Amino acid sequence: MSFAFLLLAFAAAANPCRTSLVLPPRPPALALGAFVALAACAVLAASGGVVLDALDASPESFRLAAALVLGLEGVRALLLPRPPTEPELRGLGAALVPIAFPLLLQPGVVMLALAAGGGDVAGRAVVALGAVFGIVVLAGAARVEERGRALLAAGGRLLGALEIAVGVALAVDAVRDV
């Protein structure tokens, strides 16, 4: 997986447009939550090969599974432009719930991180994900009026379509490698 593909894949999976619609507007909690999520994904990517071995799954079959998850998440983003509002912990606890989990550590992000680790591109994946989570923090910290929220919802749908395309590309790549 190239860096450009990883960047597009993580941007589609994290979907900054859609996610920013429900992020708590607290920059310190946003930054801390993004850092926690990035650290968790770095651990997942670094241990991706071990996890795949423990599951007795080949990197190709795991990429195919990740493609399925991405496709399903993309359909969800197309049908539901705004994620549900999650309960949040008070103060900086919001960095953990809902920012790090479930808003940033979505199934597609986790599957891509594990697949990248299984494919020996963990370093590139962490850098790409760091850039994407930075965009999420900036989008979440920005004050947006009602018209801007409508544009973010539309952008979220576009990123959902991109997530489906990334899933298809990942599936085709996995099948070719088998």
N, C-alpha and C. Protein backbone atom coordinates (compact mmCIF):
# COMPACT_ATOMS: atom_id res chain seq x y z
N MET A 1 0.85 -1.18 0.00
CA MET A 1 0.00 0.00 0.00
C MET A 1 0.89 1.24 0.00
N SER A 2 0.63 2.12 -0.91
CA SER A 2 1.42 3.35 -0.99
C SER A 2 0.95 4.35 0.07
N PHE A 3 1.78 5.35 0.32
CA PHE A 3 1.42 6.37 1.30
C PHE A 3 0.17 7.13 0.86
N ALA A 4 0.08 7.44 -0.44
CA ALA A 4 -1.09 8.17 -0.95
C ALA A 4 -2.37 7.36 -0.75
N PHE A 5 -2.29 6.05 -1.02
CA PHE A 5 -3.47 5.20 -0.81
C PHE A 5 -3.84 5.15 0.66
N LEU A 6 -2.84 5.00 1.53
CA LEU A 6 -3.12 4.97 2.97
C LEU A 6 -3.74 6.28 3.44
N LEU A 7 -3.25 7.40 2.93
CA LEU A 7 -3.80 8.70 3.30
C LEU A 7 -5.27 8.81 2.89
N LEU A 8 -5.57 8.43 1.65
CA LEU A 8 -6.96 8.45 1.19
C LEU A 8 -7.82 7.46 1.96
N ALA A 9 -7.29 6.28 2.22
CA ALA A 9 -8.05 5.25 2.92
C ALA A 9 -8.38 5.68 4.34
N PHE A 10 -7.39 6.22 5.06
CA PHE A 10 -7.65 6.65 6.43
C PHE A 10 -8.55 7.89 6.47
N ALA A 11 -8.41 8.78 5.47
CA ALA A 11 -9.29 9.95 5.42
C ALA A 11 -10.73 9.51 5.19
N ALA A 12 -10.92 8.52 4.33
CA ALA A 12 -12.27 8.03 4.08
C ALA A 12 -12.83 7.30 5.30
N ALA A 13 -12.00 6.51 5.97
CA ALA A 13 -12.46 5.74 7.12
C ALA A 13 -12.74 6.63 8.33
N ALA A 14 -11.89 7.61 8.58
CA ALA A 14 -12.09 8.51 9.72
C ALA A 14 -13.17 9.54 9.42
N ASN A 15 -13.33 9.87 8.16
CA ASN A 15 -14.36 10.79 7.66
C ASN A 15 -14.45 12.07 8.50
N PRO A 16 -13.44 12.94 8.39
CA PRO A 16 -13.42 14.17 9.20
C PRO A 16 -14.67 15.03 9.05
N CYS A 17 -15.26 15.07 7.87
CA CYS A 17 -16.47 15.89 7.67
C CYS A 17 -17.61 15.38 8.53
N ARG A 18 -17.87 14.10 8.42
CA ARG A 18 -18.98 13.49 9.15
C ARG A 18 -18.72 13.49 10.66
N THR A 19 -17.51 13.14 11.05
CA THR A 19 -17.15 13.05 12.46
C THR A 19 -17.21 14.41 13.14
N SER A 20 -16.80 15.46 12.44
CA SER A 20 -16.76 16.79 13.05
C SER A 20 -18.14 17.31 13.42
N LEU A 21 -19.17 16.72 12.83
CA LEU A 21 -20.54 17.16 13.14
C LEU A 21 -20.94 16.85 14.58
N VAL A 22 -20.30 15.87 15.20
CA VAL A 22 -20.69 15.48 16.56
C VAL A 22 -19.55 15.56 17.58
N LEU A 23 -18.38 16.02 17.16
CA LEU A 23 -17.27 16.15 18.10
C LEU A 23 -17.54 17.26 19.11
N PRO A 24 -17.23 17.03 20.40
CA PRO A 24 -17.37 18.11 21.36
C PRO A 24 -16.40 19.24 21.02
N PRO A 25 -16.85 20.49 21.02
CA PRO A 25 -15.98 21.61 20.61
C PRO A 25 -15.01 22.04 21.72
N ARG A 26 -14.17 21.13 22.15
CA ARG A 26 -13.18 21.40 23.20
C ARG A 26 -11.81 21.03 22.67
N PRO A 27 -11.04 22.01 22.19
CA PRO A 27 -9.75 21.71 21.56
C PRO A 27 -8.79 20.86 22.41
N PRO A 28 -8.64 21.10 23.73
CA PRO A 28 -7.72 20.23 24.47
C PRO A 28 -8.16 18.76 24.46
N ALA A 29 -9.45 18.51 24.63
CA ALA A 29 -9.95 17.14 24.61
C ALA A 29 -9.82 16.55 23.20
N LEU A 30 -10.05 17.36 22.17
CA LEU A 30 -9.89 16.88 20.79
C LEU A 30 -8.45 16.44 20.52
N ALA A 31 -7.51 17.28 20.91
CA ALA A 31 -6.10 16.96 20.68
C ALA A 31 -5.68 15.71 21.45
N LEU A 32 -6.09 15.63 22.71
CA LEU A 32 -5.73 14.46 23.52
C LEU A 32 -6.40 13.20 22.97
N GLY A 33 -7.65 13.30 22.59
CA GLY A 33 -8.34 12.14 22.01
C GLY A 33 -7.70 11.66 20.73
N ALA A 34 -7.29 12.59 19.88
CA ALA A 34 -6.61 12.22 18.64
C ALA A 34 -5.27 11.56 18.94
N PHE A 35 -4.57 12.06 19.94
CA PHE A 35 -3.28 11.47 20.32
C PHE A 35 -3.49 10.04 20.84
N VAL A 36 -4.48 9.86 21.71
CA VAL A 36 -4.77 8.52 22.25
C VAL A 36 -5.15 7.56 21.12
N ALA A 37 -6.00 8.00 20.21
CA ALA A 37 -6.41 7.16 19.08
C ALA A 37 -5.22 6.84 18.18
N LEU A 38 -4.35 7.82 17.95
CA LEU A 38 -3.17 7.59 17.12
C LEU A 38 -2.23 6.59 17.79
N ALA A 39 -2.05 6.74 19.10
CA ALA A 39 -1.18 5.80 19.82
C ALA A 39 -1.75 4.38 19.76
N ALA A 40 -3.05 4.27 19.92
CA ALA A 40 -3.69 2.94 19.84
C ALA A 40 -3.51 2.33 18.46
N CYS A 41 -3.68 3.16 17.43
CA CYS A 41 -3.52 2.66 16.06
C CYS A 41 -2.05 2.32 15.76
N ALA A 42 -1.13 3.06 16.34
CA ALA A 42 0.29 2.74 16.15
C ALA A 42 0.61 1.38 16.76
N VAL A 43 0.05 1.11 17.93
CA VAL A 43 0.24 -0.20 18.56
C VAL A 43 -0.39 -1.30 17.71
N LEU A 44 -1.59 -1.04 17.21
CA LEU A 44 -2.26 -2.03 16.35
C LEU A 44 -1.46 -2.29 15.08
N ALA A 45 -0.96 -1.22 14.47
CA ALA A 45 -0.19 -1.38 13.24
C ALA A 45 1.12 -2.12 13.51
N ALA A 46 1.77 -1.77 14.62
CA ALA A 46 3.04 -2.43 14.96
C ALA A 46 2.84 -3.91 15.27
N SER A 47 1.69 -4.26 15.80
CA SER A 47 1.42 -5.65 16.15
C SER A 47 0.55 -6.35 15.12
N GLY A 48 0.34 -5.73 13.98
CA GLY A 48 -0.54 -6.30 12.96
C GLY A 48 -0.13 -7.69 12.52
N GLY A 49 1.15 -7.90 12.29
CA GLY A 49 1.63 -9.22 11.88
C GLY A 49 1.38 -10.27 12.93
N VAL A 50 1.60 -9.91 14.19
CA VAL A 50 1.37 -10.85 15.30
C VAL A 50 -0.11 -11.18 15.42
N VAL A 51 -0.96 -10.16 15.30
CA VAL A 51 -2.40 -10.38 15.38
C VAL A 51 -2.88 -11.28 14.24
N LEU A 52 -2.41 -11.03 13.04
CA LEU A 52 -2.80 -11.87 11.91
C LEU A 52 -2.32 -13.30 12.09
N ASP A 53 -1.11 -13.47 12.63
CA ASP A 53 -0.62 -14.82 12.92
C ASP A 53 -1.49 -15.51 13.97
N ALA A 54 -1.86 -14.77 15.01
CA ALA A 54 -2.70 -15.34 16.07
C ALA A 54 -4.07 -15.74 15.52
N LEU A 55 -4.57 -14.97 14.56
CA LEU A 55 -5.86 -15.30 13.95
C LEU A 55 -5.72 -16.34 12.84
N ASP A 56 -4.47 -16.72 12.53
CA ASP A 56 -4.17 -17.63 11.43
C ASP A 56 -4.77 -17.11 10.13
N ALA A 57 -4.60 -15.79 9.91
CA ALA A 57 -5.12 -15.14 8.71
C ALA A 57 -3.96 -14.60 7.89
N SER A 58 -4.05 -14.79 6.61
CA SER A 58 -3.02 -14.23 5.73
C SER A 58 -3.27 -12.74 5.57
N PRO A 59 -2.23 -11.97 5.24
CA PRO A 59 -2.44 -10.53 5.01
C PRO A 59 -3.47 -10.26 3.92
N GLU A 60 -3.49 -11.11 2.90
CA GLU A 60 -4.44 -10.92 1.81
C GLU A 60 -5.88 -11.11 2.27
N SER A 61 -6.12 -12.18 3.04
CA SER A 61 -7.49 -12.41 3.50
C SER A 61 -7.92 -11.34 4.51
N PHE A 62 -6.98 -10.83 5.30
CA PHE A 62 -7.34 -9.78 6.24
C PHE A 62 -7.64 -8.47 5.50
N ARG A 63 -6.88 -8.20 4.42
CA ARG A 63 -7.21 -7.01 3.62
C ARG A 63 -8.57 -7.15 2.98
N LEU A 64 -8.95 -8.35 2.60
CA LEU A 64 -10.29 -8.58 2.06
C LEU A 64 -11.35 -8.32 3.13
N ALA A 65 -11.10 -8.75 4.34
CA ALA A 65 -12.03 -8.48 5.44
C ALA A 65 -12.11 -6.98 5.73
N ALA A 66 -10.96 -6.31 5.70
CA ALA A 66 -10.94 -4.86 5.91
C ALA A 66 -11.72 -4.16 4.81
N ALA A 67 -11.62 -4.65 3.58
CA ALA A 67 -12.37 -4.07 2.46
C ALA A 67 -13.86 -4.18 2.69
N LEU A 68 -14.30 -5.30 3.23
CA LEU A 68 -15.73 -5.48 3.52
C LEU A 68 -16.20 -4.49 4.58
N VAL A 69 -15.41 -4.33 5.62
CA VAL A 69 -15.76 -3.38 6.68
C VAL A 69 -15.81 -1.96 6.12
N LEU A 70 -14.83 -1.59 5.32
CA LEU A 70 -14.83 -0.25 4.71
C LEU A 70 -16.05 -0.03 3.83
N GLY A 71 -16.40 -1.04 3.05
CA GLY A 71 -17.59 -0.91 2.20
C GLY A 71 -18.85 -0.70 3.02
N LEU A 72 -19.01 -1.46 4.08
CA LEU A 72 -20.18 -1.30 4.94
C LEU A 72 -20.21 0.06 5.63
N GLU A 73 -19.06 0.50 6.10
CA GLU A 73 -19.02 1.83 6.72
C GLU A 73 -19.31 2.92 5.70
N GLY A 74 -18.84 2.75 4.48
CA GLY A 74 -19.12 3.73 3.44
C GLY A 74 -20.61 3.83 3.15
N VAL A 75 -21.28 2.69 3.10
CA VAL A 75 -22.74 2.70 2.90
C VAL A 75 -23.42 3.41 4.06
N ARG A 76 -22.95 3.15 5.28
CA ARG A 76 -23.54 3.82 6.45
C ARG A 76 -23.38 5.33 6.33
N ALA A 77 -22.21 5.78 5.90
CA ALA A 77 -21.98 7.22 5.76
C ALA A 77 -22.85 7.83 4.66
N LEU A 78 -23.13 7.06 3.62
CA LEU A 78 -24.01 7.56 2.56
C LEU A 78 -25.45 7.68 3.05
N LEU A 79 -25.89 6.71 3.83
CA LEU A 79 -27.28 6.69 4.27
C LEU A 79 -27.55 7.56 5.49
N LEU A 80 -26.58 7.65 6.39
CA LEU A 80 -26.72 8.45 7.62
C LEU A 80 -25.65 9.52 7.63
N PRO A 81 -25.95 10.72 7.13
CA PRO A 81 -24.92 11.74 6.98
C PRO A 81 -24.34 12.24 8.31
N ARG A 82 -25.06 12.03 9.39
CA ARG A 82 -24.59 12.50 10.69
C ARG A 82 -24.52 11.31 11.65
N PRO A 83 -23.35 11.07 12.26
CA PRO A 83 -23.28 9.96 13.21
C PRO A 83 -24.11 10.27 14.45
N PRO A 84 -24.52 9.24 15.18
CA PRO A 84 -25.30 9.51 16.40
C PRO A 84 -24.44 10.24 17.42
N THR A 85 -25.08 11.08 18.22
CA THR A 85 -24.38 11.78 19.29
C THR A 85 -24.13 10.78 20.41
N GLU A 86 -22.88 10.66 20.80
CA GLU A 86 -22.49 9.71 21.84
C GLU A 86 -22.45 10.39 23.20
N PRO A 87 -22.75 9.66 24.26
CA PRO A 87 -22.57 10.25 25.59
C PRO A 87 -21.09 10.52 25.80
N GLU A 88 -20.79 11.53 26.57
CA GLU A 88 -19.38 11.86 26.75
C GLU A 88 -19.02 11.99 28.22
N LEU A 89 -17.77 11.67 28.50
CA LEU A 89 -17.25 11.84 29.85
C LEU A 89 -16.99 13.32 30.09
N ARG A 90 -16.93 13.70 31.34
CA ARG A 90 -16.71 15.12 31.67
C ARG A 90 -15.24 15.50 31.54
N GLY A 91 -15.03 16.78 31.30
CA GLY A 91 -13.67 17.33 31.23
C GLY A 91 -12.84 16.66 30.15
N LEU A 92 -11.58 16.37 30.49
CA LEU A 92 -10.70 15.73 29.52
C LEU A 92 -11.05 14.27 29.30
N GLY A 93 -11.95 13.73 30.11
CA GLY A 93 -12.42 12.37 29.88
C GLY A 93 -13.09 12.22 28.53
N ALA A 94 -13.60 13.33 27.99
CA ALA A 94 -14.21 13.30 26.66
C ALA A 94 -13.19 12.92 25.60
N ALA A 95 -11.90 13.07 25.92
CA ALA A 95 -10.86 12.64 24.98
C ALA A 95 -10.95 11.14 24.73
N LEU A 96 -11.32 10.40 25.78
CA LEU A 96 -11.48 8.95 25.62
C LEU A 96 -12.83 8.58 25.04
N VAL A 97 -13.90 9.11 25.66
CA VAL A 97 -15.27 8.83 25.22
C VAL A 97 -15.97 10.15 25.05
N PRO A 98 -16.33 10.57 23.91
CA PRO A 98 -16.52 9.85 22.66
C PRO A 98 -15.44 10.09 21.62
N ILE A 99 -14.41 10.91 21.90
CA ILE A 99 -13.50 11.30 20.83
C ILE A 99 -12.65 10.13 20.35
N ALA A 100 -11.80 9.57 21.23
CA ALA A 100 -10.95 8.46 20.80
C ALA A 100 -11.80 7.25 20.42
N PHE A 101 -12.73 6.93 21.29
CA PHE A 101 -13.64 5.82 21.02
C PHE A 101 -15.05 6.25 21.32
N PRO A 102 -15.95 6.19 20.44
CA PRO A 102 -15.99 5.46 19.18
C PRO A 102 -15.77 6.32 17.93
N LEU A 103 -15.55 7.65 18.08
CA LEU A 103 -15.54 8.50 16.89
C LEU A 103 -14.29 8.35 16.03
N LEU A 104 -13.11 8.22 16.64
CA LEU A 104 -11.89 8.08 15.84
C LEU A 104 -11.50 6.62 15.63
N LEU A 105 -11.61 5.82 16.66
CA LEU A 105 -11.27 4.40 16.52
C LEU A 105 -12.48 3.64 15.99
N GLN A 106 -12.84 3.97 14.78
CA GLN A 106 -13.95 3.30 14.11
C GLN A 106 -13.44 1.97 13.56
N PRO A 107 -14.34 1.03 13.28
CA PRO A 107 -13.90 -0.28 12.79
C PRO A 107 -13.02 -0.22 11.53
N GLY A 108 -13.35 0.66 10.59
CA GLY A 108 -12.54 0.76 9.38
C GLY A 108 -11.13 1.24 9.66
N VAL A 109 -10.98 2.19 10.56
CA VAL A 109 -9.65 2.70 10.92
C VAL A 109 -8.84 1.59 11.57
N VAL A 110 -9.46 0.85 12.50
CA VAL A 110 -8.76 -0.23 13.19
C VAL A 110 -8.36 -1.33 12.22
N MET A 111 -9.27 -1.71 11.33
CA MET A 111 -8.96 -2.76 10.35
C MET A 111 -7.83 -2.34 9.40
N LEU A 112 -7.86 -1.07 8.98
CA LEU A 112 -6.78 -0.58 8.10
C LEU A 112 -5.44 -0.58 8.83
N ALA A 113 -5.44 -0.19 10.11
CA ALA A 113 -4.20 -0.18 10.87
C ALA A 113 -3.64 -1.59 11.01
N LEU A 114 -4.49 -2.55 11.32
CA LEU A 114 -4.04 -3.95 11.42
C LEU A 114 -3.56 -4.48 10.07
N ALA A 115 -4.30 -4.16 9.01
CA ALA A 115 -3.90 -4.61 7.67
C ALA A 115 -2.57 -4.00 7.26
N ALA A 116 -2.35 -2.76 7.62
CA ALA A 116 -1.07 -2.11 7.30
C ALA A 116 0.08 -2.79 8.05
N GLY A 117 -0.17 -3.15 9.30
CA GLY A 117 0.85 -3.86 10.07
C GLY A 117 1.14 -5.23 9.50
N GLY A 118 0.09 -5.91 9.03
CA GLY A 118 0.28 -7.21 8.41
C GLY A 118 0.98 -7.11 7.06
N GLY A 119 0.86 -5.96 6.43
CA GLY A 119 1.49 -5.74 5.12
C GLY A 119 2.82 -5.03 5.21
N ASP A 120 3.36 -4.89 6.40
CA ASP A 120 4.68 -4.26 6.63
C ASP A 120 4.76 -2.81 6.17
N VAL A 121 3.68 -2.06 6.29
CA VAL A 121 3.71 -0.63 5.99
C VAL A 121 3.18 0.16 7.19
N ALA A 122 3.48 -0.36 8.38
CA ALA A 122 2.95 0.25 9.61
C ALA A 122 3.42 1.69 9.77
N GLY A 123 4.68 1.97 9.48
CA GLY A 123 5.21 3.34 9.64
C GLY A 123 4.47 4.33 8.76
N ARG A 124 4.30 3.98 7.50
CA ARG A 124 3.55 4.87 6.59
C ARG A 124 2.11 5.05 7.05
N ALA A 125 1.52 3.98 7.57
CA ALA A 125 0.13 4.06 8.03
C ALA A 125 0.00 5.02 9.20
N VAL A 126 0.93 4.97 10.14
CA VAL A 126 0.86 5.84 11.32
C VAL A 126 1.04 7.30 10.91
N VAL A 127 1.94 7.57 9.98
CA VAL A 127 2.13 8.95 9.51
C VAL A 127 0.88 9.45 8.80
N ALA A 128 0.30 8.62 7.95
CA ALA A 128 -0.92 9.01 7.23
C ALA A 128 -2.07 9.24 8.22
N LEU A 129 -2.18 8.36 9.19
CA LEU A 129 -3.26 8.51 10.17
C LEU A 129 -3.05 9.73 11.05
N GLY A 130 -1.79 10.06 11.36
CA GLY A 130 -1.52 11.28 12.12
C GLY A 130 -1.98 12.52 11.38
N ALA A 131 -1.75 12.54 10.07
CA ALA A 131 -2.21 13.68 9.26
C ALA A 131 -3.73 13.75 9.25
N VAL A 132 -4.39 12.62 9.09
CA VAL A 132 -5.85 12.59 9.05
C VAL A 132 -6.45 13.00 10.39
N PHE A 133 -5.90 12.49 11.49
CA PHE A 133 -6.41 12.87 12.81
C PHE A 133 -6.16 14.36 13.08
N GLY A 134 -5.09 14.91 12.53
CA GLY A 134 -4.86 16.35 12.64
C GLY A 134 -5.96 17.14 11.95
N ILE A 135 -6.39 16.66 10.80
CA ILE A 135 -7.50 17.30 10.08
C ILE A 135 -8.79 17.18 10.88
N VAL A 136 -9.01 16.03 11.51
CA VAL A 136 -10.20 15.84 12.34
C VAL A 136 -10.20 16.84 13.49
N VAL A 137 -9.06 17.03 14.12
CA VAL A 137 -8.96 17.99 15.24
C VAL A 137 -9.28 19.40 14.75
N LEU A 138 -8.70 19.79 13.63
CA LEU A 138 -8.97 21.13 13.09
C LEU A 138 -10.44 21.29 12.71
N ALA A 139 -11.01 20.28 12.10
CA ALA A 139 -12.43 20.35 11.71
C ALA A 139 -13.33 20.39 12.93
N GLY A 140 -12.97 19.64 13.96
CA GLY A 140 -13.78 19.62 15.17
C GLY A 140 -13.68 20.90 15.98
N ALA A 141 -12.55 21.58 15.90
CA ALA A 141 -12.36 22.81 16.66
C ALA A 141 -12.96 24.03 15.98
N ALA A 142 -13.23 23.91 14.68
CA ALA A 142 -13.78 25.05 13.93
C ALA A 142 -15.25 25.27 14.29
N ARG A 143 -15.62 26.52 14.40
CA ARG A 143 -17.03 26.88 14.63
C ARG A 143 -17.72 26.94 13.28
N VAL A 144 -18.79 26.20 13.13
CA VAL A 144 -19.48 26.11 11.85
C VAL A 144 -20.95 26.46 12.04
N GLU A 145 -21.46 27.30 11.15
CA GLU A 145 -22.88 27.65 11.19
C GLU A 145 -23.70 26.58 10.48
N GLU A 146 -25.00 26.76 10.45
CA GLU A 146 -25.92 25.76 9.89
C GLU A 146 -25.61 25.42 8.43
N ARG A 147 -25.32 26.41 7.62
CA ARG A 147 -25.00 26.16 6.22
C ARG A 147 -23.71 25.35 6.10
N GLY A 148 -22.75 25.65 6.95
CA GLY A 148 -21.50 24.89 6.97
C GLY A 148 -21.72 23.44 7.39
N ARG A 149 -22.66 23.22 8.31
CA ARG A 149 -22.99 21.86 8.73
C ARG A 149 -23.58 21.05 7.57
N ALA A 150 -24.38 21.71 6.74
CA ALA A 150 -24.94 21.03 5.58
C ALA A 150 -23.83 20.64 4.60
N LEU A 151 -22.84 21.52 4.45
CA LEU A 151 -21.69 21.21 3.58
C LEU A 151 -20.86 20.07 4.16
N LEU A 152 -20.69 20.07 5.48
CA LEU A 152 -19.95 18.97 6.12
C LEU A 152 -20.67 17.65 5.94
N ALA A 153 -22.00 17.67 6.05
CA ALA A 153 -22.78 16.44 5.84
C ALA A 153 -22.61 15.94 4.40
N ALA A 154 -22.62 16.86 3.44
CA ALA A 154 -22.41 16.47 2.04
C ALA A 154 -21.00 15.94 1.84
N GLY A 155 -20.02 16.58 2.46
CA GLY A 155 -18.64 16.09 2.39
C GLY A 155 -18.52 14.72 3.02
N GLY A 156 -19.26 14.49 4.10
CA GLY A 156 -19.26 13.18 4.73
C GLY A 156 -19.80 12.09 3.83
N ARG A 157 -20.81 12.45 3.04
CA ARG A 157 -21.35 11.48 2.07
C ARG A 157 -20.33 11.19 0.97
N LEU A 158 -19.64 12.24 0.51
CA LEU A 158 -18.61 12.03 -0.51
C LEU A 158 -17.48 11.14 0.02
N LEU A 159 -17.08 11.38 1.26
CA LEU A 159 -16.05 10.54 1.85
C LEU A 159 -16.56 9.12 2.06
N GLY A 160 -17.86 8.97 2.30
CA GLY A 160 -18.45 7.63 2.38
C GLY A 160 -18.33 6.91 1.05
N ALA A 161 -18.58 7.62 -0.04
CA ALA A 161 -18.43 7.03 -1.36
C ALA A 161 -16.96 6.66 -1.62
N LEU A 162 -16.05 7.53 -1.18
CA LEU A 162 -14.62 7.23 -1.32
C LEU A 162 -14.25 6.00 -0.49
N GLU A 163 -14.88 5.85 0.68
CA GLU A 163 -14.60 4.69 1.52
C GLU A 163 -15.02 3.39 0.81
N ILE A 164 -16.13 3.44 0.11
CA ILE A 164 -16.56 2.27 -0.67
C ILE A 164 -15.54 1.99 -1.78
N ALA A 165 -15.09 3.04 -2.47
CA ALA A 165 -14.10 2.87 -3.54
C ALA A 165 -12.79 2.31 -2.99
N VAL A 166 -12.37 2.79 -1.82
CA VAL A 166 -11.14 2.28 -1.19
C VAL A 166 -11.33 0.81 -0.85
N GLY A 167 -12.51 0.46 -0.33
CA GLY A 167 -12.77 -0.94 -0.02
C GLY A 167 -12.69 -1.83 -1.25
N VAL A 168 -13.25 -1.37 -2.35
CA VAL A 168 -13.20 -2.14 -3.60
C VAL A 168 -11.75 -2.28 -4.06
N ALA A 169 -10.99 -1.19 -4.03
CA ALA A 169 -9.59 -1.24 -4.45
C ALA A 169 -8.78 -2.18 -3.56
N LEU A 170 -9.03 -2.14 -2.27
CA LEU A 170 -8.33 -3.02 -1.33
C LEU A 170 -8.70 -4.48 -1.60
N ALA A 171 -9.97 -4.74 -1.89
CA ALA A 171 -10.41 -6.11 -2.18
C ALA A 171 -9.77 -6.63 -3.47
N VAL A 172 -9.76 -5.80 -4.49
CA VAL A 172 -9.15 -6.21 -5.76
C VAL A 172 -7.67 -6.48 -5.58
N ASP A 173 -7.00 -5.63 -4.83
CA ASP A 173 -5.57 -5.81 -4.56
C ASP A 173 -5.33 -7.11 -3.79
N ALA A 174 -6.19 -7.39 -2.81
CA ALA A 174 -6.04 -8.62 -2.02
C ALA A 174 -6.25 -9.86 -2.90
N VAL A 175 -7.24 -9.81 -3.76
CA VAL A 175 -7.52 -10.97 -4.63
C VAL A 175 -6.36 -11.16 -5.62
N ARG A 176 -5.81 -10.09 -6.13
CA ARG A 176 -4.68 -10.20 -7.07
C ARG A 176 -3.46 -10.83 -6.40
N ASP A 177 -3.27 -10.51 -5.12
CA ASP A 177 -2.10 -11.01 -4.40
C ASP A 177 -2.22 -12.47 -3.99
N VAL A 178 -3.43 -13.00 -4.07
CA VAL A 178 -3.62 -14.42 -3.68
C VAL A 178 -3.16 -15.29 -4.76
